[in-house]
Amino acid sequence: MAIEFINDSAGLGDAIGFTTAAVAADIREKGTDRLDLTLVCSTPPCTGAGVFTRNDVKAAPVRVCREILDTGKPLHGFVANSGNANACTGEQGLDDARAMADRAAAATQLPHNSFLVCSTGRIGRALPMPRILARIDQAAAALAAGPEASRKSAEAILTSDTRPKTCTARFTWQGRTVTVAAMAKGAGMIQPNMATMLAFLCTDAAAPVALLHTVLAGATHRTFNAITVDGDMSTNDTVLLLANGASGVNLAATPAEARALFAEAIEQVCACLAEKIVGDGEKISKVVEIIVRGARDEAAAERIARAIGNSLLVKSSWYGEDPNWGRVIDAAGYARTGLVEEKVDMFYDETPVLDHGIAQNQHLARWKEIVKQPRFRITLDLRLGEGMFRLLASDLTEGYVNYNKSE
């Protein structure tokens, strides 16, 4: 059975039973009417799973999401804001995150501890809570199932992003359609595990928490945890998956084939959103796919890919459209995985660069053409084992430096 995939979809409202609303709360305190708070709600109760940052410094909403998920109680949605991360804000930050979740439940007249909470933006500032709580009430009154409301929800979570990021996957099981709808934000401070990113997936299938967590963790490992823009891990990284069963398909009572389709749909939307995040990296000009294969194991392949993708010298050469393969192989070597130079093959797209460690300089003109493209691929075959890792990375421009001199 085929999965129907919709790029740049309406967003979370594509899944049956989920309503959304977005409002302006001036969380950045700049006197603008920019959308910066969204409420997503499912009247049918949901099971849920989450994957969170591994940073030792975790924002208050990350901690509160974990608290709520640990209760095991049915969920009804989440509230999320942009413009302020509510990170490094102490006990007040925890109280504020809990107050946001509580207000979402009260405003929708749904049970306590049934709403998760996420924040993204500047670190170290207290949230303007009176405005936020009032706007949560406003959002609850405006909840709608249409595509316009859903698209506004995707806009409200953006920070330095230049565009919303949404997609949807569907498949049919025994005459019923299962939808996985998703949205995300992320552009800078991108280096999993995970990135400075929020991603939300909603499905109208029913599924036990254990299945949701297994599927989400696996998809995250292969997608959101395989991207980098600038090598920085955030305090707020969160991926949430909610399942409300409104389609009538219960994955706990279906054959393995249905669960495999569901896992594939989850992976497709995560891969799409991950690609959109890198493609919208702060002031980037190129996306580079790095494939390391033939390593001794996956861990070694990942170390090499990340060394290449996070090297300032390599990223600068990409921006300069310079096929400086020496910087690439140098980064691969200082990953210290036991690489054997005389065995390495390297390619720009399909064009050879190294053959058993020997430069194929006759292809220089083609290398230059390839690295001028807005997207290209670098492949290293180490010829040492079966380990493989794929990483999406970006170049480094003066625009990134200027943008991040101040917020």
Protein backbone atom coordinates (compact mmCIF):
# COMPACT_ATOMS: atom_id res chain seq x y z
CA MET A 1 0.00 0.00 0.00
CA ALA A 2 1.31 3.41 -0.97
CA ILE A 3 1.64 6.40 1.32
CA GLU A 4 0.33 9.70 -0.01
CA PHE A 5 2.71 12.50 0.89
CA ILE A 6 1.83 16.21 0.82
CA ASN A 7 4.69 18.69 1.04
CA ASP A 8 3.82 22.17 2.37
CA SER A 9 0.44 20.95 3.58
CA ALA A 10 -2.02 22.93 5.66
CA GLY A 11 -0.47 21.42 8.77
CA LEU A 12 -1.81 19.78 11.90
CA GLY A 13 -5.45 20.37 11.02
CA ASP A 14 -5.13 17.75 8.27
CA ALA A 15 -5.52 15.07 10.96
CA ILE A 16 -9.14 14.41 11.95
CA GLY A 17 -10.16 15.77 15.34
CA PHE A 18 -7.40 18.35 15.77
CA THR A 19 -8.26 22.05 15.90
CA THR A 20 -5.81 24.93 16.01
CA ALA A 21 -5.60 28.64 16.69
CA ALA A 22 -2.85 31.24 16.61
CA VAL A 23 -2.78 34.67 18.26
CA ALA A 24 -0.43 37.60 18.82
CA ALA A 25 0.70 38.06 22.43
CA ASP A 26 3.69 40.39 21.81
CA ILE A 27 5.93 37.89 23.60
CA ARG A 28 8.99 39.59 22.10
CA GLU A 29 7.75 42.81 23.74
CA LYS A 30 8.32 44.85 20.60
CA GLY A 31 4.79 46.15 20.21
CA THR A 32 4.05 44.10 17.10
CA ASP A 33 1.06 42.01 16.10
CA ARG A 34 3.20 39.08 14.95
CA LEU A 35 1.61 35.68 15.63
CA ASP A 36 3.59 34.13 18.47
CA LEU A 37 1.31 31.74 20.37
CA THR A 38 -0.58 28.69 19.18
CA LEU A 39 -3.01 26.30 20.80
CA VAL A 40 -3.63 22.84 19.32
CA CYS A 41 -6.48 20.78 20.70
CA SER A 42 -8.08 17.38 20.24
CA THR A 43 -11.41 16.83 21.99
CA PRO A 44 -10.95 13.05 21.63
CA PRO A 45 -8.27 12.11 24.19
CA CYS A 46 -4.79 11.33 22.86
CA THR A 47 -1.91 9.11 23.74
CA GLY A 48 1.41 10.87 23.31
CA ALA A 49 5.18 10.56 23.18
CA GLY A 50 8.02 13.04 23.16
CA VAL A 51 11.72 13.23 22.38
CA PHE A 52 13.67 16.04 24.00
CA THR A 53 17.04 17.81 24.07
CA ARG A 54 20.00 16.05 25.66
CA ASN A 55 21.51 19.35 26.73
CA ASP A 56 22.28 19.40 30.47
CA VAL A 57 20.58 22.81 30.53
CA LYS A 58 16.92 22.08 29.81
CA ALA A 59 14.27 24.77 29.43
CA ALA A 60 11.28 24.82 31.77
CA PRO A 61 8.79 23.62 29.14
CA VAL A 62 10.94 20.57 28.41
CA ARG A 63 10.86 19.64 32.08
CA VAL A 64 7.12 20.26 32.33
CA CYS A 65 6.37 18.19 29.21
CA ARG A 66 8.23 15.30 30.78
CA GLU A 67 6.30 15.71 34.01
CA ILE A 68 2.98 15.60 32.18
CA LEU A 69 3.92 12.67 29.96
CA ASP A 70 5.12 10.75 33.01
CA THR A 71 1.64 10.93 34.54
CA GLY A 72 0.39 8.64 31.78
CA LYS A 73 -2.88 10.56 31.65
CA PRO A 74 -4.72 11.12 28.35
CA LEU A 75 -3.67 14.27 26.50
CA HIS A 76 -5.72 16.83 24.61
CA GLY A 77 -3.09 18.98 22.92
CA PHE A 78 -0.40 21.56 23.52
CA VAL A 79 0.27 25.26 23.75
CA ALA A 80 3.44 26.72 22.23
CA ASN A 81 5.00 30.16 21.95
CA SER A 82 7.82 31.76 20.03
CA GLY A 83 9.90 34.79 20.99
CA ASN A 84 10.94 33.57 24.44
CA ALA A 85 12.50 30.18 25.30
CA ASN A 86 11.57 30.24 29.01
CA ALA A 87 15.02 28.73 29.58
CA CYS A 88 17.40 29.47 32.46
CA THR A 89 14.48 31.09 34.29
CA GLY A 90 14.57 29.03 37.52
CA GLU A 91 11.51 28.10 39.54
CA GLN A 92 9.56 31.00 38.07
CA GLY A 93 10.04 29.52 34.62
CA LEU A 94 8.70 26.16 35.77
CA ASP A 95 5.72 27.84 37.39
CA ASP A 96 5.07 29.80 34.19
CA ALA A 97 5.26 26.70 31.96
CA ARG A 98 2.85 24.84 34.25
CA ALA A 99 0.54 27.87 34.27
CA MET A 100 0.46 27.88 30.47
CA ALA A 101 -0.46 24.19 30.37
CA ASP A 102 -3.07 24.64 33.11
CA ARG A 103 -4.63 27.63 31.38
CA ALA A 104 -4.91 25.72 28.10
CA ALA A 105 -6.80 22.95 29.88
CA ALA A 106 -9.06 25.38 31.73
CA ALA A 107 -9.78 27.50 28.65
CA THR A 108 -10.82 24.43 26.65
CA GLN A 109 -12.69 22.92 29.61
CA LEU A 110 -10.58 19.78 29.39
CA PRO A 111 -8.82 17.87 32.19
CA HIS A 112 -5.84 19.18 34.17
CA ASN A 113 -2.45 17.93 32.96
CA SER A 114 -3.83 17.14 29.52
CA PHE A 115 -1.93 19.87 27.64
CA LEU A 116 1.80 19.95 26.92
CA VAL A 117 3.74 23.19 26.62
CA CYS A 118 6.64 24.31 24.40
CA SER A 119 8.58 27.54 24.02
CA THR A 120 11.26 28.80 21.66
CA GLY A 121 13.17 32.07 21.40
CA ARG A 122 15.59 34.05 23.52
CA ILE A 123 17.10 32.42 26.61
CA GLY A 124 17.07 33.93 30.08
CA ARG A 125 14.04 36.21 30.05
CA ALA A 126 10.81 35.81 31.99
CA LEU A 127 7.65 35.30 29.97
CA PRO A 128 5.09 38.14 29.90
CA MET A 129 2.56 35.90 31.63
CA PRO A 130 -0.48 38.21 31.96
CA ARG A 131 -0.59 38.68 28.18
CA ILE A 132 0.15 35.01 27.50
CA LEU A 133 -2.61 33.73 29.76
CA ALA A 134 -5.12 36.16 28.27
CA ARG A 135 -4.13 35.12 24.74
CA ILE A 136 -4.47 31.43 25.58
CA ASP A 137 -8.09 32.20 26.45
CA GLN A 138 -8.41 34.03 23.14
CA ALA A 139 -6.90 31.12 21.24
CA ALA A 140 -9.22 28.63 22.93
CA ALA A 141 -12.22 30.65 21.76
CA ALA A 142 -10.87 30.71 18.19
CA LEU A 143 -10.02 27.01 17.74
CA ALA A 144 -10.92 25.84 14.24
CA ALA A 145 -10.38 22.83 12.00
CA GLY A 146 -9.80 24.65 8.71
CA PRO A 147 -6.54 24.97 6.78
CA GLU A 148 -6.24 28.71 7.42
CA ALA A 149 -6.14 28.23 11.18
CA SER A 150 -3.68 25.39 10.78
CA ARG A 151 -1.31 27.44 8.62
CA LYS A 152 -1.39 30.30 11.11
CA SER A 153 -0.46 27.82 13.83
CA ALA A 154 2.67 26.90 11.85
CA GLU A 155 3.55 30.61 11.53
CA ALA A 156 3.18 31.31 15.25
CA ILE A 157 6.06 29.03 16.29
CA LEU A 158 8.67 30.60 13.98
CA THR A 159 11.68 32.55 15.27
CA SER A 160 14.47 33.25 12.76
CA ASP A 161 12.81 30.95 10.22
CA THR A 162 11.94 32.54 6.90
CA ARG A 163 8.95 30.29 6.19
CA PRO A 164 6.58 27.82 7.86
CA LYS A 165 7.41 24.11 7.71
CA THR A 166 4.54 21.65 7.30
CA CYS A 167 3.82 18.31 5.64
CA THR A 168 1.30 15.48 5.79
CA ALA A 169 1.35 11.74 5.07
CA ARG A 170 -1.67 9.47 4.61
CA PHE A 171 -2.36 5.79 4.06
CA THR A 172 -5.48 3.67 3.89
CA TRP A 173 -6.07 0.64 6.06
CA GLN A 174 -9.17 -1.52 5.54
CA GLY A 175 -11.06 1.34 3.97
CA ARG A 176 -10.13 3.93 6.60
CA THR A 177 -7.62 6.74 6.03
CA VAL A 178 -4.91 7.38 8.61
CA THR A 179 -3.30 10.83 8.56
CA VAL A 180 -0.03 12.00 10.08
CA ALA A 181 0.14 15.81 9.95
CA ALA A 182 3.19 17.75 11.09
CA MET A 183 4.74 21.18 11.53
CA ALA A 184 8.13 22.37 12.78
CA LYS A 185 10.33 25.37 13.38
CA GLY A 186 14.09 25.66 13.32
CA ALA A 187 16.78 27.65 11.51
CA GLY A 188 19.69 28.41 13.86
CA MET A 189 21.39 26.68 16.80
CA ILE A 190 20.90 23.47 14.82
CA GLN A 191 22.85 20.41 15.96
CA PRO A 192 21.06 17.46 17.39
CA ASN A 193 20.55 15.76 19.63
CA MET A 194 18.37 17.57 18.49
CA ALA A 195 18.43 21.11 17.11
CA THR A 196 16.92 24.37 18.33
CA MET A 197 13.75 23.08 16.94
CA LEU A 198 10.21 22.23 17.80
CA ALA A 199 8.33 19.60 15.82
CA PHE A 200 4.75 18.51 16.31
CA LEU A 201 3.12 15.44 14.77
CA CYS A 202 -0.57 14.68 15.10
CA THR A 203 -2.25 11.51 13.90
CA ASP A 204 -5.86 10.37 13.88
CA ALA A 205 -4.83 6.75 14.44
CA ALA A 206 -5.09 5.22 17.90
CA ALA A 207 -1.83 3.83 19.25
CA PRO A 208 -0.37 2.80 22.61
CA VAL A 209 2.31 5.03 24.12
CA ALA A 210 4.99 2.35 23.75
CA LEU A 211 4.42 2.14 19.99
CA LEU A 212 4.41 5.93 19.61
CA HIS A 213 7.66 6.26 21.53
CA THR A 214 9.42 3.48 19.61
CA VAL A 215 8.38 4.86 16.23
CA LEU A 216 9.14 8.48 17.14
CA ALA A 217 12.55 7.73 18.68
CA GLY A 218 13.62 5.72 15.65
CA ALA A 219 12.46 8.32 13.16
CA THR A 220 14.09 11.12 15.17
CA HIS A 221 17.42 9.29 15.22
CA ARG A 222 17.47 9.01 11.44
CA THR A 223 16.13 12.48 10.63
CA PHE A 224 16.19 15.29 13.20
CA ASN A 225 19.32 13.81 14.78
CA ALA A 226 21.06 13.73 11.40
CA ILE A 227 21.14 17.45 10.61
CA THR A 228 23.44 20.33 11.50
CA VAL A 229 23.62 24.01 10.62
CA ASP A 230 25.98 25.51 13.17
CA GLY A 231 26.84 22.71 15.60
CA ASP A 232 25.01 24.20 18.60
CA MET A 233 22.55 22.13 20.65
CA SER A 234 19.58 23.98 22.12
CA THR A 235 17.93 24.00 25.53
CA ASN A 236 14.39 23.60 24.16
CA ASP A 237 14.48 20.87 21.50
CA THR A 238 11.22 18.96 21.48
CA VAL A 239 9.42 16.57 19.14
CA LEU A 240 5.89 15.61 20.18
CA LEU A 241 3.57 12.98 18.70
CA LEU A 242 -0.13 12.89 19.61
CA ALA A 243 -2.57 10.17 18.52
CA ASN A 244 -6.34 10.61 19.02
CA GLY A 245 -7.87 7.62 17.21
CA ALA A 246 -10.46 9.71 15.36
CA SER A 247 -9.88 7.76 12.11
CA GLY A 248 -11.20 4.59 13.70
CA VAL A 249 -7.94 2.72 13.08
CA ASN A 250 -6.43 1.23 16.26
CA LEU A 251 -2.84 0.25 15.58
CA ALA A 252 -2.76 -1.93 18.70
CA ALA A 253 -5.32 -4.21 17.06
CA THR A 254 -3.94 -4.27 13.50
CA PRO A 255 -1.40 -6.56 11.83
CA ALA A 256 2.27 -5.64 11.66
CA GLU A 257 1.75 -4.37 8.12
CA ALA A 258 -0.40 -1.47 9.35
CA ARG A 259 2.10 -0.53 12.03
CA ALA A 260 4.88 -0.59 9.43
CA LEU A 261 2.91 1.81 7.25
CA PHE A 262 2.41 4.07 10.25
CA ALA A 263 6.14 4.01 11.05
CA GLU A 264 6.93 4.83 7.42
CA ALA A 265 4.50 7.76 7.47
CA ILE A 266 6.10 9.11 10.66
CA GLU A 267 9.56 8.76 9.15
CA GLN A 268 8.52 10.53 5.95
CA VAL A 269 7.16 13.59 7.73
CA CYS A 270 10.17 13.76 10.07
CA ALA A 271 12.58 13.51 7.13
CA CYS A 272 10.70 16.23 5.28
CA LEU A 273 10.71 18.59 8.25
CA ALA A 274 14.40 17.92 8.96
CA GLU A 275 15.26 18.81 5.38
CA LYS A 276 13.18 21.98 5.58
CA ILE A 277 15.01 23.03 8.77
CA VAL A 278 18.44 22.71 7.18
CA GLY A 279 17.24 24.35 3.97
CA ASP A 280 16.04 27.32 6.02
CA GLY A 281 19.24 27.58 8.08
CA GLU A 282 20.13 31.09 9.16
CA LYS A 283 21.56 32.95 6.14
CA ILE A 284 22.86 29.77 4.49
CA SER A 285 23.38 29.47 0.74
CA LYS A 286 23.95 25.72 0.39
CA VAL A 287 22.69 22.40 1.75
CA VAL A 288 25.26 19.61 1.62
CA GLU A 289 24.39 15.94 2.05
CA ILE A 290 27.27 14.05 3.67
CA ILE A 291 27.28 10.26 3.36
CA VAL A 292 29.93 8.25 5.16
CA ARG A 293 29.85 4.54 4.40
CA GLY A 294 32.20 1.62 4.87
CA ALA A 295 33.06 2.68 8.42
CA ARG A 296 33.74 0.14 11.16
CA ASP A 297 30.34 0.92 12.69
CA GLU A 298 27.58 3.53 12.60
CA ALA A 299 29.09 5.48 15.50
CA ALA A 300 32.37 5.94 13.62
CA ALA A 301 30.52 7.01 10.48
CA GLU A 302 28.54 9.56 12.46
CA ARG A 303 31.66 11.01 14.11
CA ILE A 304 33.25 11.55 10.71
CA ALA A 305 30.12 13.03 9.15
CA ARG A 306 29.70 15.48 12.03
CA ALA A 307 33.39 16.45 11.96
CA ILE A 308 32.99 17.37 8.30
CA GLY A 309 29.59 19.02 8.63
CA ASN A 310 30.62 21.18 11.61
CA SER A 311 34.11 22.19 10.37
CA LEU A 312 34.27 25.96 9.95
CA LEU A 313 36.94 25.57 7.28
CA VAL A 314 34.83 23.09 5.33
CA LYS A 315 31.65 25.15 5.67
CA SER A 316 33.50 28.30 4.56
CA SER A 317 34.85 26.54 1.48
CA TRP A 318 31.32 25.44 0.56
CA TYR A 319 30.19 29.05 0.77
CA GLY A 320 33.17 30.08 -1.39
CA GLU A 321 32.26 27.39 -3.94
CA ASP A 322 35.72 25.92 -3.55
CA PRO A 323 35.99 22.11 -3.99
CA ASN A 324 38.68 21.96 -1.33
CA TRP A 325 38.56 18.24 -0.66
CA GLY A 326 41.67 18.50 1.51
CA ARG A 327 39.63 20.19 4.23
CA VAL A 328 37.03 17.42 4.03
CA ILE A 329 39.50 14.57 4.38
CA ASP A 330 41.34 16.44 7.14
CA ALA A 331 38.11 16.72 9.14
CA ALA A 332 37.41 13.05 8.53
CA GLY A 333 40.84 12.22 9.90
CA TYR A 334 40.59 14.26 13.08
CA ALA A 335 37.38 12.47 13.97
CA ARG A 336 39.92 9.83 15.14
CA THR A 337 38.03 6.70 14.14
CA GLY A 338 40.99 4.83 12.67
CA LEU A 339 40.44 5.89 9.09
CA VAL A 340 43.01 4.40 6.66
CA GLU A 341 43.92 7.07 4.11
CA GLU A 342 44.99 4.56 1.43
CA LYS A 343 41.53 2.95 1.41
CA VAL A 344 39.34 6.05 1.16
CA ASP A 345 37.20 6.76 -1.90
CA MET A 346 35.50 10.16 -2.09
CA PHE A 347 32.97 11.69 -4.47
CA TYR A 348 31.30 15.04 -5.17
CA ASP A 349 27.87 13.83 -6.26
CA GLU A 350 28.89 10.91 -8.52
CA THR A 351 32.23 12.39 -9.61
CA PRO A 352 35.37 10.77 -8.12
CA VAL A 353 37.58 12.92 -5.90
CA LEU A 354 39.76 10.27 -4.24
CA ASP A 355 40.38 6.71 -5.39
CA HIS A 356 42.03 4.71 -2.61
CA GLY A 357 43.34 8.00 -1.23
CA ILE A 358 44.69 9.30 -4.55
CA ALA A 359 43.30 12.59 -5.89
CA GLN A 360 41.51 12.40 -9.24
CA ASN A 361 42.49 15.90 -10.30
CA GLN A 362 41.37 15.39 -13.90
CA HIS A 363 37.84 16.07 -12.60
CA LEU A 364 38.63 19.49 -11.12
CA ALA A 365 36.39 21.39 -13.55
CA ARG A 366 33.44 19.15 -12.72
CA TRP A 367 34.07 19.49 -8.97
CA LYS A 368 33.82 23.27 -9.35
CA GLU A 369 30.52 22.97 -11.18
CA ILE A 370 29.08 20.71 -8.49
CA VAL A 371 29.97 22.89 -5.49
CA LYS A 372 28.38 25.92 -7.16
CA GLN A 373 24.99 24.20 -6.85
CA PRO A 374 22.68 25.13 -3.96
CA ARG A 375 22.63 21.45 -3.00
CA PHE A 376 25.21 18.74 -3.58
CA ARG A 377 26.43 15.52 -2.02
CA ILE A 378 29.79 14.41 -0.60
CA THR A 379 30.33 10.66 -0.19
CA LEU A 380 33.21 8.99 1.63
CA ASP A 381 33.65 5.22 1.38
CA LEU A 382 36.16 4.13 4.02
CA ARG A 383 36.24 0.44 2.98
CA LEU A 384 36.59 -0.73 6.59
CA GLY A 385 33.20 -2.20 7.48
CA GLU A 386 29.44 -1.83 7.23
CA GLY A 387 28.92 1.39 9.21
CA MET A 388 27.02 4.17 7.47
CA PHE A 389 25.64 7.60 8.42
CA ARG A 390 23.94 10.37 6.44
CA LEU A 391 24.05 13.98 7.63
CA LEU A 392 22.49 17.11 6.17
CA ALA A 393 24.67 20.18 6.73
CA SER A 394 24.97 23.75 5.48
CA ASP A 395 27.60 26.29 4.60
CA LEU A 396 28.68 29.26 6.75
CA THR A 397 28.20 32.79 5.45
CA GLU A 398 29.03 36.27 6.69
CA GLY A 399 25.28 36.74 6.85
CA TYR A 400 25.10 34.13 9.63
CA VAL A 401 27.80 35.96 11.59
CA ASN A 402 26.16 39.36 11.17
CA TYR A 403 22.71 38.01 12.04
CA ASN A 404 23.95 36.42 15.26
CA LYS A 405 26.04 39.33 16.52
CA SER A 406 22.94 40.36 18.43
CA GLU A 407 19.29 39.37 18.66
